[in-house]
Every structure is written in C-alpha cells, then in structure tokens.
Protein backbone atom coordinates (compact mmCIF):
# COMPACT_ATOMS: atom_id res chain seq x y z
CA MET A 1 -3.07 31.12 9.91
CA ASN A 2 -5.63 28.69 8.59
CA THR A 3 -8.59 29.88 6.64
CA PRO A 4 -11.90 28.00 6.75
CA ASP A 5 -11.23 26.69 3.24
CA SER A 6 -7.82 25.27 4.14
CA ALA A 7 -9.22 23.74 7.32
CA SER A 8 -12.01 22.03 5.39
CA ALA A 9 -9.54 20.85 2.76
CA SER A 10 -7.27 19.36 5.42
CA THR A 11 -10.15 17.52 7.10
CA ALA A 12 -11.28 16.29 3.68
CA ARG A 13 -7.78 14.87 3.14
CA GLN A 14 -7.87 13.23 6.55
CA SER A 15 -11.29 11.78 5.78
CA LEU A 16 -9.97 10.31 2.54
CA VAL A 17 -6.95 8.76 4.29
CA LEU A 18 -9.15 7.32 7.05
CA ARG A 19 -11.56 5.79 4.54
CA ALA A 20 -8.74 4.35 2.41
CA ALA A 21 -7.13 2.77 5.48
CA ALA A 22 -10.53 1.41 6.56
CA LEU A 23 -11.11 -0.18 3.15
CA VAL A 24 -7.76 -1.97 3.38
CA LEU A 25 -8.54 -3.17 6.90
CA PHE A 26 -11.99 -4.42 5.87
CA THR A 27 -10.19 -7.11 3.86
CA GLY A 28 -9.94 -8.98 7.18
CA LEU A 29 -13.64 -9.86 6.98
CA PRO A 30 -13.06 -13.28 5.31
CA GLY A 31 -10.72 -14.14 8.18
CA ILE A 32 -13.61 -13.76 10.61
CA LEU A 33 -16.19 -15.61 8.55
CA LEU A 34 -13.97 -18.42 7.24
CA PRO A 35 -10.68 -18.33 9.22
CA ALA A 36 -9.34 -21.73 8.12
CA GLN A 37 -9.95 -21.00 4.44
CA ALA A 38 -8.49 -17.50 4.78
CA LEU A 39 -5.38 -18.91 6.46
CA GLU A 40 -4.96 -21.44 3.64
CA LYS A 41 -5.36 -18.75 0.95
CA PHE A 42 -2.90 -16.34 2.59
CA SER A 43 -0.40 -19.15 3.14
CA TRP A 44 -0.66 -20.11 -0.53
CA PHE A 45 -0.36 -16.45 -1.57
CA MET A 46 2.82 -16.11 0.52
CA GLY A 47 4.28 -19.26 -1.06
CA TYR A 48 4.28 -21.40 2.10
CA GLY A 49 1.92 -24.15 0.96
CA GLN A 50 -0.51 -25.88 3.30
CA PRO A 51 -0.50 -24.32 6.79
CA ARG A 52 -1.11 -26.15 10.05
CA LEU A 53 -4.80 -25.82 10.72
CA ASP A 54 -4.68 -26.47 14.44
CA PRO A 55 -7.21 -24.67 16.66
CA LEU A 56 -4.69 -22.05 17.83
CA SER A 57 -3.65 -20.89 14.35
CA VAL A 58 -7.28 -20.77 13.17
CA PHE A 59 -8.27 -18.82 16.30
CA MET A 60 -5.35 -16.38 15.91
CA THR A 61 -6.33 -15.81 12.28
CA ALA A 62 -9.91 -14.99 13.25
CA ASP A 63 -8.74 -12.90 16.20
CA ALA A 64 -6.41 -10.75 14.08
CA ALA A 65 -9.06 -10.40 11.39
CA CYS A 66 -11.61 -9.31 13.97
CA ALA A 67 -9.26 -6.66 15.36
CA SER A 68 -8.63 -5.44 11.81
CA VAL A 69 -12.34 -5.11 11.04
CA VAL A 70 -13.09 -3.38 14.35
CA LEU A 71 -10.33 -0.85 13.64
CA ALA A 72 -11.75 -0.38 10.14
CA LEU A 73 -15.17 0.42 11.60
CA VAL A 74 -13.65 2.99 13.95
CA LEU A 75 -11.67 4.62 11.13
CA TRP A 76 -14.75 4.73 8.90
CA PHE A 77 -16.74 6.37 11.71
CA LEU A 78 -14.00 8.95 12.35
CA ALA A 79 -13.84 9.72 8.63
CA ARG A 80 -17.39 11.07 8.80
CA ASP A 81 -16.21 14.13 10.81
CA PRO A 82 -12.43 14.32 11.32
CA ALA A 83 -12.63 17.92 12.59
CA ARG A 84 -14.86 16.90 15.46
CA TYR A 85 -12.65 13.94 16.41
CA GLN A 86 -9.34 15.72 15.78
CA PRO A 87 -7.70 14.72 19.11
CA LEU A 88 -8.44 11.07 18.38
CA VAL A 89 -7.28 11.41 14.77
CA ARG A 90 -3.98 12.92 15.99
CA LEU A 91 -3.60 10.07 18.49
CA LEU A 92 -4.22 7.56 15.70
CA SER A 93 -1.63 9.26 13.52
CA TRP A 94 1.00 8.77 16.24
CA ALA A 95 -0.20 5.21 16.86
CA PHE A 96 0.19 4.34 13.15
CA LEU A 97 3.65 5.93 13.03
CA ILE A 98 4.85 4.04 16.11
CA ALA A 99 3.20 0.77 15.03
CA GLY A 100 4.94 1.07 11.66
CA LEU A 101 8.31 1.30 13.38
CA LEU A 102 7.47 -1.62 15.68
CA TRP A 103 6.46 -3.63 12.62
CA ILE A 104 10.09 -3.53 11.49
CA SER A 105 11.03 -5.50 14.61
CA LEU A 106 8.16 -7.90 14.01
CA GLY A 107 9.29 -8.44 10.43
CA MET A 108 12.83 -9.22 11.54
CA GLN A 109 11.58 -11.90 13.95
CA CYS A 110 9.23 -13.63 11.50
CA PRO A 111 10.59 -15.29 8.35
CA LEU A 112 8.05 -13.65 6.05
CA PRO A 113 8.92 -12.37 2.58
CA TRP A 114 10.58 -8.94 2.60
CA TRP A 115 7.83 -7.45 0.42
CA TRP A 116 5.16 -8.43 2.95
CA THR A 117 6.92 -6.77 5.86
CA SER A 118 7.99 -3.71 3.90
CA SER A 119 4.50 -3.13 2.50
CA ALA A 120 3.03 -3.35 6.00
CA VAL A 121 5.66 -0.96 7.39
CA VAL A 122 5.36 1.55 4.56
CA GLY A 123 1.57 1.41 4.59
CA CYS A 124 1.30 1.91 8.33
CA ILE A 125 3.82 4.77 8.41
CA ALA A 126 2.21 6.39 5.36
CA VAL A 127 -1.23 6.40 6.99
CA GLY A 128 0.25 7.91 10.16
CA PHE A 129 2.19 10.53 8.23
CA LEU A 130 -0.74 11.48 5.99
CA LEU A 131 -3.06 11.81 8.97
CA ARG A 132 -0.44 13.91 10.74
CA VAL A 133 0.23 16.34 7.89
CA GLY A 134 -3.35 16.29 6.66
CA GLY A 135 -4.70 17.79 9.86
CA ASN A 136 -5.17 21.37 10.90
CA ALA A 137 -1.69 22.92 11.09
CA SER A 138 -2.56 24.91 14.21
CA GLN A 139 -3.26 21.67 16.08
CA VAL A 140 -0.29 19.58 14.89
C-alpha cells in the first residue's frame, strides 16, 4: 500500500526523469534554427566529413529536430504534475520502451557507429524503464 509520502516521492522521481529527457531532447533546437549547419556539425562529430546538403537531407534534419523539440515541450509540461497525467506518463513509458527496442532494428539498417546506436537504445529504454518503475506502484 502506498502512503502519501511514497506517492509524492514516486511522482517527484517521474518529474525528474521527464525533465532530464526533455533537456536532452531540447538539443534539437539548433537543427530547427540552422538545419544545414547542424547537419554539418553532427556529420563531423560522427566522423563522416562533409554531408550532402541537398534540400531533402536539410529538410529531414529540421523535421526530426522539430519533432524532438515538440516532444521535449510535452515532457516538460507533463513533468509539472506527473500524478495528474499518470495515464499519459504510463503510455509514454511503454512508448519509450518499445521505441528503444525498435531503435535496435534502425541501428542495424544504418551504418552509424555502434556507440551512437547503443546510446540511443540505452537512453530510450532507460527513460521508459525509469518512468515505469518511478510511478505509483498501484497503477503500474
């Protein structure tokens, strides 16, 4: 049985996880504002040199960055009151867990460095797991 203190502690943990995930996702902001430059910097960081800066790759960079920032805004909003939005937080926990597993398939199809794919997989699954176990045990 959960006491009010343990329930507030679990929602505080969920709030922390949601805010941490949002901060990571907010790093997509440069990809919206300067997509070509962001694509060049990430390509250099990955060790691939100068990328093709055709309209499609620049658009896809900005599109993915925009989705990342929108998700960050939603997570930041949910972190304000995880108890109130508990059904949505539980749904997000499952979504992060499943997306982490799907990311393994994505990583096997794209010739990216192993550390890039594994960090994305581990990060996504960790957020899903921490949201799942950080919630109210009676609702898990």
